[in-house]
Amino acid sequence: MSQIHNRPGEQGARPPESPQVSVAAVGDGPVPGFGIDAIHEAARRLSGQVVRTPLLNSPMLDELVGARVLVKAECLQLTGSFKVRGALNALLTLDEEARRAGIVAYSAGNHGQGVAAAARLAGCPAVIVMPRHAPRIKADNCRWWGAETVLYDPRTEDREEVAQKILQDRGMTLIPPFDDPRVMAGQGTVGLEIAEQARELGLTPEAVLVNCSGGGLAAGVITALHHTFPGLAHHIVEPAGFDKMARSLESGHVCANPHPPGGLMDAISGPAAGARPLAVLRQHEVTGLTVTDEEALAAMAVAHRLLKIVVEPGGAASLAALLSGQVDVQGGTVALVASGGNVDPAVYRRALAD
């Protein structure tokens, strides 16, 4: 079992200034429509549609950390992040009439790209609601896949309200970024693949670290891996000061981040935790960790140098937590997800220069 190393002055690796805003109570117990069977169904539905991304290992990284490190390179997934898995799984459950009408998503970028790609694969229209500050590469990529983009100001507008108006005006269907059992099941296929690939290598991970925003990826991956490796230690990683899921797990209520979001880790700095992912994560012993922008940048440089992959700041959070020594996995095997690689060139240059 892994151990947690808190930093000086921290309690549970949570910055003392992080506000807690309870906005909804969450019940315990199974989430309807989600579970290991739903994840297996999603895997069958997505077979041949998404990339079975590699589980990377570097002896140099192993030596640096003092453990066998298995990195699931979802930055090499179609659209450059895991998000297409959940988006396409949800879309493929819609009937033909709903597909013809089209779909809507709100996203800082990666979910939007996943929905845009899924819509193109299924031959249906898509509208992506994005914050004005979203990295340009993500907005451009949504348009490349054929989606319409609608920009909003997160300081004065609510993304769900913007999306709801489009739904009402056009009769489209919303594909949520995380708080949906179909999306969560699709993201859980990442965990299925990690389990399969680790067993192919003859390895049993003692711990897993998953980047977390709304919690769809974390809930899916942890559910899938727990089924294969029941003794696994589960860790979620969030930006320092924006650890809404860790606070939600502690309080039992859905908590929100400060508004508007800030920092480089936009991919995992969404406004609030998801109620369904929270309910799933509460069924497991999950430890919340946080990393700073500087630690994420350093992890991006390590991923470039030792793994030869491009990872965005939010996608590098779990590697950053491991490199900063927050989890003691000495002599063991640890798995983590490099969840996205859609980074602006200027940010990437900064990471490599530091």
Protein backbone atom coordinates (compact mmCIF):
# COMPACT_ATOMS: atom_id res chain seq x y z
CA MET A 1 0.00 0.00 0.00
CA SER A 2 1.33 3.43 -0.91
CA GLN A 3 1.89 6.12 1.70
CA ILE A 4 1.16 9.84 1.41
CA HIS A 5 3.83 12.43 2.04
CA ASN A 6 2.26 15.80 2.87
CA ARG A 7 4.27 18.94 2.34
CA PRO A 8 5.26 21.22 5.21
CA GLY A 9 2.35 23.38 6.33
CA GLU A 10 -0.23 21.26 4.50
CA GLN A 11 -2.93 19.01 5.81
CA GLY A 12 -3.92 16.28 3.38
CA ALA A 13 -2.05 18.21 0.66
CA ARG A 14 -4.85 20.78 0.55
CA PRO A 15 -4.03 24.50 0.58
CA PRO A 16 -5.64 26.05 3.68
CA GLU A 17 -7.07 28.91 1.62
CA SER A 18 -9.13 26.61 -0.64
CA PRO A 19 -12.80 27.54 -0.17
CA GLN A 20 -15.45 24.89 0.35
CA VAL A 21 -18.84 25.53 -1.25
CA SER A 22 -21.43 22.80 -0.74
CA VAL A 23 -24.02 22.96 -3.50
CA ALA A 24 -25.73 19.57 -3.36
CA ALA A 25 -25.92 16.54 -1.10
CA VAL A 26 -24.77 13.23 -2.54
CA GLY A 27 -26.14 9.83 -1.59
CA ASP A 28 -24.17 6.65 -1.13
CA GLY A 29 -24.58 3.45 -3.07
CA PRO A 30 -24.38 2.38 -6.71
CA VAL A 31 -24.97 4.87 -9.52
CA PRO A 32 -27.73 3.65 -11.88
CA GLY A 33 -26.38 2.81 -15.31
CA PHE A 34 -22.76 2.71 -14.17
CA GLY A 35 -20.49 -0.09 -12.99
CA ILE A 36 -18.01 -2.64 -14.23
CA ASP A 37 -20.60 -4.21 -16.57
CA ALA A 38 -21.32 -0.81 -18.13
CA ILE A 39 -17.60 -0.25 -18.64
CA HIS A 40 -17.27 -3.59 -20.43
CA GLU A 41 -20.27 -2.69 -22.60
CA ALA A 42 -18.61 0.62 -23.44
CA ALA A 43 -15.40 -1.22 -24.39
CA ARG A 44 -17.34 -3.40 -26.83
CA ARG A 45 -19.14 -0.35 -28.24
CA LEU A 46 -15.89 1.56 -28.72
CA SER A 47 -13.88 -1.34 -30.13
CA GLY A 48 -12.23 -0.23 -33.34
CA GLN A 49 -13.40 3.36 -32.83
CA VAL A 50 -10.78 4.64 -30.38
CA VAL A 51 -7.06 4.03 -29.90
CA ARG A 52 -5.82 1.40 -27.46
CA THR A 53 -3.14 3.76 -26.18
CA PRO A 54 0.20 2.39 -24.98
CA LEU A 55 1.16 1.85 -21.35
CA LEU A 56 4.60 3.43 -21.37
CA ASN A 57 7.56 2.71 -19.11
CA SER A 58 11.00 4.27 -18.90
CA PRO A 59 13.86 2.72 -16.88
CA MET A 60 15.19 6.23 -16.33
CA LEU A 61 11.84 7.36 -14.89
CA ASP A 62 11.73 4.23 -12.74
CA GLU A 63 15.13 5.07 -11.31
CA LEU A 64 14.10 8.68 -10.70
CA VAL A 65 10.98 7.66 -8.76
CA GLY A 66 12.32 4.46 -7.19
CA ALA A 67 9.45 2.35 -8.52
CA ARG A 68 8.12 0.80 -11.71
CA VAL A 69 6.03 3.56 -13.32
CA LEU A 70 3.37 2.70 -15.89
CA VAL A 71 2.08 5.72 -17.81
CA LYS A 72 -1.15 5.36 -19.79
CA ALA A 73 -0.55 7.71 -22.72
CA GLU A 74 -4.03 9.07 -23.41
CA CYS A 75 -2.28 12.11 -24.88
CA LEU A 76 -1.90 9.80 -27.92
CA GLN A 77 -5.64 9.13 -28.05
CA LEU A 78 -7.81 10.38 -30.90
CA THR A 79 -8.17 14.20 -30.36
CA GLY A 80 -5.24 14.12 -27.92
CA SER A 81 -7.14 13.13 -24.76
CA PHE A 82 -9.25 10.41 -23.16
CA LYS A 83 -12.42 12.48 -23.59
CA VAL A 84 -13.45 10.94 -26.92
CA ARG A 85 -14.09 7.63 -25.14
CA GLY A 86 -16.92 8.91 -22.96
CA ALA A 87 -18.31 11.23 -25.59
CA LEU A 88 -18.56 8.54 -28.25
CA ASN A 89 -19.97 5.96 -25.84
CA ALA A 90 -22.73 8.38 -24.82
CA LEU A 91 -23.47 9.38 -28.42
CA LEU A 92 -23.71 5.78 -29.61
CA THR A 93 -26.48 5.12 -27.08
CA LEU A 94 -28.73 7.77 -28.70
CA ASP A 95 -31.48 6.82 -31.14
CA GLU A 96 -31.33 7.88 -34.79
CA GLU A 97 -33.68 10.83 -34.33
CA ALA A 98 -31.55 12.29 -31.55
CA ARG A 99 -28.39 11.79 -33.59
CA ARG A 100 -29.88 13.64 -36.57
CA ALA A 101 -30.82 16.59 -34.34
CA GLY A 102 -27.26 16.79 -33.06
CA ILE A 103 -25.44 17.15 -29.77
CA VAL A 104 -24.17 19.95 -27.51
CA ALA A 105 -21.27 19.97 -25.04
CA TYR A 106 -19.73 22.54 -22.72
CA SER A 107 -16.01 22.19 -22.24
CA ALA A 108 -12.69 23.90 -21.59
CA GLY A 109 -11.50 22.08 -24.67
CA ASN A 110 -10.74 18.37 -24.36
CA HIS A 111 -14.33 17.20 -23.86
CA GLY A 112 -15.37 19.53 -26.64
CA GLN A 113 -12.86 17.94 -29.00
CA GLY A 114 -14.01 14.49 -27.95
CA VAL A 115 -17.64 15.36 -28.64
CA ALA A 116 -16.73 17.02 -31.95
CA ALA A 117 -14.80 13.93 -33.07
CA ALA A 118 -17.56 11.59 -31.88
CA ALA A 119 -20.15 13.60 -33.81
CA ARG A 120 -18.07 13.41 -36.97
CA LEU A 121 -17.62 9.65 -36.58
CA ALA A 122 -21.38 9.22 -36.09
CA GLY A 123 -22.30 11.73 -38.81
CA CYS A 124 -24.26 14.18 -36.67
CA PRO A 125 -23.96 17.94 -35.99
CA ALA A 126 -22.32 19.27 -32.82
CA VAL A 127 -22.09 22.58 -30.96
CA ILE A 128 -19.34 23.12 -28.39
CA VAL A 129 -19.73 25.81 -25.69
CA MET A 130 -16.25 26.95 -24.63
CA PRO A 131 -14.78 29.63 -22.32
CA ARG A 132 -13.10 32.52 -24.07
CA HIS A 133 -9.82 31.71 -22.31
CA ALA A 134 -9.67 28.12 -23.61
CA PRO A 135 -6.34 27.34 -25.32
CA ARG A 136 -6.58 28.21 -28.99
CA ILE A 137 -5.41 24.76 -30.07
CA LYS A 138 -8.48 23.21 -28.42
CA ALA A 139 -10.96 25.59 -30.04
CA ASP A 140 -9.28 25.20 -33.44
CA ASN A 141 -9.36 21.43 -33.13
CA CYS A 142 -13.09 21.43 -32.32
CA ARG A 143 -13.71 23.36 -35.52
CA TRP A 144 -11.46 21.02 -37.50
CA TRP A 145 -13.67 18.09 -36.50
CA GLY A 146 -16.61 20.03 -37.93
CA ALA A 147 -18.23 21.36 -34.76
CA GLU A 148 -19.62 24.84 -34.27
CA THR A 149 -18.06 26.67 -31.30
CA VAL A 150 -19.91 29.12 -29.07
CA LEU A 151 -17.67 31.14 -26.72
CA TYR A 152 -18.77 32.50 -23.34
CA ASP A 153 -17.21 34.61 -20.58
CA PRO A 154 -16.88 32.49 -17.40
CA ARG A 155 -16.70 35.67 -15.30
CA THR A 156 -20.21 36.75 -16.24
CA GLU A 157 -21.91 33.75 -17.85
CA ASP A 158 -22.76 30.20 -16.80
CA ARG A 159 -21.80 27.54 -19.31
CA GLU A 160 -24.76 25.32 -18.47
CA GLU A 161 -27.19 28.17 -19.09
CA VAL A 162 -25.54 28.94 -22.44
CA ALA A 163 -25.78 25.28 -23.44
CA GLN A 164 -29.37 24.99 -22.22
CA LYS A 165 -30.48 27.82 -24.50
CA ILE A 166 -28.94 26.05 -27.49
CA LEU A 167 -30.68 22.82 -26.50
CA GLN A 168 -34.03 24.56 -26.32
CA ASP A 169 -33.58 26.51 -29.55
CA ARG A 170 -32.28 23.62 -31.68
CA GLY A 171 -33.68 20.47 -30.08
CA MET A 172 -30.23 18.98 -29.56
CA THR A 173 -29.01 16.51 -26.89
CA LEU A 174 -26.49 17.42 -24.19
CA ILE A 175 -23.41 15.23 -23.77
CA PRO A 176 -22.14 16.20 -20.27
CA PRO A 177 -18.39 16.28 -19.65
CA PHE A 178 -18.42 13.91 -16.66
CA ASP A 179 -21.65 13.68 -14.63
CA ASP A 180 -23.26 11.01 -16.79
CA PRO A 181 -23.05 7.21 -16.39
CA ARG A 182 -22.50 6.67 -20.12
CA VAL A 183 -19.60 9.14 -20.17
CA MET A 184 -18.13 7.65 -16.99
CA ALA A 185 -18.33 4.15 -18.45
CA GLY A 186 -16.56 5.27 -21.60
CA GLN A 187 -13.76 6.83 -19.57
CA GLY A 188 -13.58 3.62 -17.55
CA THR A 189 -12.26 1.82 -20.63
CA VAL A 190 -8.94 3.55 -19.88
CA GLY A 191 -8.82 1.53 -16.66
CA LEU A 192 -9.75 -1.69 -18.43
CA GLU A 193 -6.85 -1.22 -20.81
CA ILE A 194 -4.41 -0.41 -17.99
CA ALA A 195 -5.42 -3.63 -16.23
CA GLU A 196 -5.07 -5.69 -19.40
CA GLN A 197 -1.72 -4.16 -20.33
CA ALA A 198 -0.29 -4.47 -16.80
CA ARG A 199 -1.25 -8.15 -16.69
CA GLU A 200 0.33 -8.67 -20.11
CA LEU A 201 3.56 -7.35 -18.55
CA GLY A 202 3.11 -9.62 -15.52
CA LEU A 203 2.75 -6.61 -13.21
CA THR A 204 0.33 -5.81 -10.38
CA PRO A 205 0.18 -2.08 -9.58
CA GLU A 206 0.03 -1.15 -5.90
CA ALA A 207 -1.26 2.36 -6.61
CA VAL A 208 -2.92 4.43 -9.32
CA LEU A 209 -2.94 8.21 -9.75
CA VAL A 210 -5.64 9.84 -11.88
CA ASN A 211 -5.98 13.49 -12.86
CA CYS A 212 -9.36 14.75 -11.68
CA SER A 213 -11.73 17.59 -12.49
CA GLY A 214 -15.40 16.60 -12.54
CA GLY A 215 -14.38 13.05 -11.74
CA GLY A 216 -15.64 11.04 -14.71
CA LEU A 217 -12.20 9.69 -15.60
CA ALA A 218 -11.28 9.01 -11.97
CA ALA A 219 -14.55 7.20 -11.25
CA GLY A 220 -14.26 5.09 -14.39
CA VAL A 221 -10.59 4.20 -14.05
CA ILE A 222 -10.76 3.43 -10.33
CA THR A 223 -13.86 1.26 -10.79
CA ALA A 224 -12.23 -0.73 -13.59
CA LEU A 225 -8.90 -1.18 -11.83
CA HIS A 226 -10.47 -2.04 -8.48
CA HIS A 227 -12.29 -4.91 -10.17
CA THR A 228 -8.96 -6.42 -11.32
CA PHE A 229 -6.68 -5.24 -8.50
CA PRO A 230 -8.86 -4.94 -5.36
CA GLY A 231 -5.91 -4.04 -3.13
CA LEU A 232 -4.93 -1.01 -5.21
CA ALA A 233 -4.43 2.38 -3.52
CA HIS A 234 -6.41 5.12 -5.31
CA HIS A 235 -5.23 8.72 -5.63
CA ILE A 236 -6.81 11.64 -7.46
CA VAL A 237 -4.74 14.70 -8.38
CA GLU A 238 -6.05 18.27 -8.70
CA PRO A 239 -4.54 21.76 -9.03
CA ALA A 240 -3.48 23.39 -5.76
CA GLY A 241 -6.27 25.68 -4.62
CA PHE A 242 -8.80 24.02 -6.94
CA ASP A 243 -9.20 20.67 -5.18
CA LYS A 244 -12.99 20.48 -5.37
CA MET A 245 -13.22 16.70 -5.56
CA ALA A 246 -10.98 16.13 -2.53
CA ARG A 247 -13.14 18.56 -0.55
CA SER A 248 -16.27 16.87 -1.86
CA LEU A 249 -15.00 13.47 -0.71
CA GLU A 250 -14.21 14.90 2.72
CA SER A 251 -17.56 16.67 3.16
CA GLY A 252 -19.90 14.27 1.36
CA HIS A 253 -21.27 17.18 -0.66
CA VAL A 254 -20.53 18.41 -4.16
CA CYS A 255 -18.08 21.30 -3.78
CA ALA A 256 -17.19 24.09 -6.19
CA ASN A 257 -13.91 25.70 -7.19
CA PRO A 258 -13.17 29.41 -6.90
CA HIS A 259 -14.68 31.35 -9.80
CA PRO A 260 -13.38 32.04 -12.36
CA PRO A 261 -10.84 29.20 -12.73
CA GLY A 262 -7.17 30.08 -12.90
CA GLY A 263 -3.76 28.60 -13.56
CA LEU A 264 -2.32 26.51 -16.35
CA MET A 265 -4.20 23.30 -15.56
CA ASP A 266 -7.43 24.39 -17.27
CA ALA A 267 -8.24 20.79 -18.24
CA ILE A 268 -8.77 19.84 -14.59
CA SER A 269 -10.00 23.14 -13.18
CA GLY A 270 -13.72 22.89 -13.92
CA PRO A 271 -16.25 24.72 -11.73
CA ALA A 272 -17.68 21.84 -9.64
CA ALA A 273 -17.28 18.14 -8.92
CA GLY A 274 -19.75 15.74 -10.49
CA ALA A 275 -22.39 14.24 -8.20
CA ARG A 276 -22.33 10.79 -9.83
CA PRO A 277 -18.52 10.52 -9.96
CA LEU A 278 -18.43 11.63 -6.33
CA ALA A 279 -20.90 8.93 -5.37
CA VAL A 280 -18.72 6.34 -7.11
CA LEU A 281 -15.47 7.58 -5.59
CA ARG A 282 -17.03 7.54 -2.11
CA GLN A 283 -17.36 3.76 -2.50
CA HIS A 284 -13.54 3.50 -2.56
CA GLU A 285 -10.77 4.73 -0.31
CA VAL A 286 -9.54 7.66 -2.38
CA THR A 287 -6.78 10.09 -1.38
CA GLY A 288 -6.74 13.60 -2.81
CA LEU A 289 -3.43 15.16 -3.85
CA THR A 290 -2.64 18.60 -5.29
CA VAL A 291 0.11 20.00 -7.49
CA THR A 292 1.18 23.50 -8.48
CA ASP A 293 1.56 24.91 -11.98
CA GLU A 294 5.33 24.78 -11.56
CA GLU A 295 5.23 21.10 -10.63
CA ALA A 296 3.02 20.36 -13.63
CA LEU A 297 5.45 22.17 -15.94
CA ALA A 298 8.34 20.18 -14.51
CA ALA A 299 6.42 16.94 -15.09
CA MET A 300 5.75 17.95 -18.69
CA ALA A 301 9.49 18.32 -19.21
CA VAL A 302 10.14 14.90 -17.67
CA ALA A 303 7.47 13.32 -19.91
CA HIS A 304 9.16 14.90 -22.92
CA ARG A 305 12.65 13.87 -21.92
CA LEU A 306 12.05 10.34 -20.60
CA LEU A 307 8.81 9.18 -22.23
CA LYS A 308 9.03 11.16 -25.49
CA ILE A 309 5.41 12.34 -25.24
CA VAL A 310 3.76 15.77 -25.23
CA VAL A 311 1.51 16.26 -22.19
CA GLU A 312 -0.51 19.37 -21.28
CA PRO A 313 -0.33 20.80 -17.73
CA GLY A 314 -3.54 19.18 -16.50
CA GLY A 315 -2.59 15.93 -18.19
CA ALA A 316 0.73 15.92 -16.32
CA ALA A 317 -0.74 16.44 -12.84
CA SER A 318 -0.50 12.80 -11.73
CA LEU A 319 3.09 12.51 -12.91
CA ALA A 320 3.80 15.77 -11.09
CA ALA A 321 2.38 14.38 -7.84
CA LEU A 322 4.54 11.30 -8.18
CA LEU A 323 7.69 13.27 -9.00
CA SER A 324 7.13 15.64 -6.06
CA GLY A 325 7.23 12.70 -3.68
CA GLN A 326 3.66 12.88 -2.43
CA VAL A 327 3.13 9.12 -2.72
CA ASP A 328 5.63 6.60 -1.37
CA VAL A 329 5.76 3.76 -3.90
CA GLN A 330 9.39 2.79 -3.33
CA GLY A 331 10.15 -0.61 -4.82
CA GLY A 332 6.60 -1.10 -6.09
CA THR A 333 4.60 -0.54 -9.25
CA VAL A 334 2.43 2.52 -9.82
CA ALA A 335 0.12 3.36 -12.71
CA LEU A 336 -0.96 6.82 -13.79
CA VAL A 337 -2.85 8.44 -16.64
CA ALA A 338 -1.28 11.12 -18.86
CA SER A 339 -4.76 12.29 -19.75
CA GLY A 340 -4.18 14.91 -22.45
CA GLY A 341 -1.62 16.50 -24.73
CA ASN A 342 -3.38 19.58 -26.12
CA VAL A 343 -1.03 22.31 -24.99
CA ASP A 344 -0.41 25.74 -26.44
CA PRO A 345 3.12 26.05 -27.92
CA ALA A 346 4.00 28.96 -25.63
CA VAL A 347 3.15 26.93 -22.52
CA TYR A 348 5.11 23.96 -23.82
CA ARG A 349 8.14 26.12 -24.54
CA ARG A 350 7.93 27.39 -20.96
CA ALA A 351 7.82 23.83 -19.64
CA LEU A 352 10.89 22.78 -21.60
CA ALA A 353 12.79 25.96 -20.71
CA ASP A 354 12.27 25.70 -16.95
